Amino acid sequence: MSSWEGKTRGGTTGYRIFILLLKKINIRFSYALLRVVAVYFWIFSDKSPLMYFYRNRLQYGKFDAYKAIYKNYVMLGECLLDKIVVMAGIKNKFTFDFDGEEYLHALAKDKKGGILIGAHIGNWEIAGHLLTRINTKVHVVMLDAEHQKIKELMQNVLPEKQISIIPIKNNFDHLYAIEEALKKGEFIALHGDRFLPGTKTICSEFLQQDAQFPSGPFYMASKFGAPVCYVSAIKTSRYHYHFKATEPELLPYPNKLKTRNQDLKNMIEPYVKNLEQIVLENPNQWFNFYSFWGNKDSAN
């Protein structure tokens, strides 16, 4: 069964080139160059996971699926460029609208803390950046190895924000850090759609086929009694993003071993349904480039 390996493809060279272009020229020229770069990836990259996504899950014809894959690569590149521009404070024309942000302001005001669960759909980094509008500290949980070189590079171009990183290593230090942050009424932001081999998962139907989702974010929220919101930032036009946060909910702790798996499944399903709706509305902003449905990923 193919699975995510905990590290996103790509190095820092491309980032450095585009950062230079964004600072010295403008984003429109960078977008144009990006379309050429996307052709290279469209020709030479492994397209089978996305082909399965478009053909088998969304029922695209083969020609339309190939077009959609190219658009997906372009959109991914645009989101990366947008992230650099917005977070580095480079002059730009971006605008944003906010749906459900009042829930986060209320949680911060009441010092309740919260767990914000996102996914690899739209622009997660811009969603995290927009959380700086909330009057509380935000801790982003990520694997220590993921984008290590990219993180080092970005730290050189980004101003300091009210955001910290909690790295997941081979011990349980991250759990103590998460608990401590929640006790202070701060926010924890993490993904709910990827996991490493050996991670406990729960099966849930996603786009009419069973897929595995990590149970950790949801179990953790129930154990610590932290309110949960699902957050996303979707690109709706060239220079506009729509930020959305769902109404917070408290997840009941699954204290009965006999029914724990079913209880976890019930916890995860609202997140999966929310993610499914966003993906159906914005299929070209789905950025999971591995066999998301496991060994069934063989396109017709």
Foldseek 3Di string as FASTA:
>chain_A
DWADAQADDDACPVVVVLLVCCQPPNVVVVLVVQLVVLVVCLPPPPCLQQLLCCCVLVNDDNVVSSVLSSLLSSQVSLLVSVLLCVQLVPDDDADEDEAAVVLLLVLLVVLQEAEEEEAQFARPSVLVVVCLVHPAAEEEEGACPYCVNVVVVSVVRGDDTSYHYQHDDPDCVSLVVVLVCSNRSHYYYYYWQHDHPPADWAWDQASNAIFTTGLVVQLSQQVSQHWYWYWHWHDPDSRYIYIYIDNTDTQHHPPDPVCRNVSSRVSCVVVRVVVRVSCVVPVSRRPDRMNRRPPVSGGD
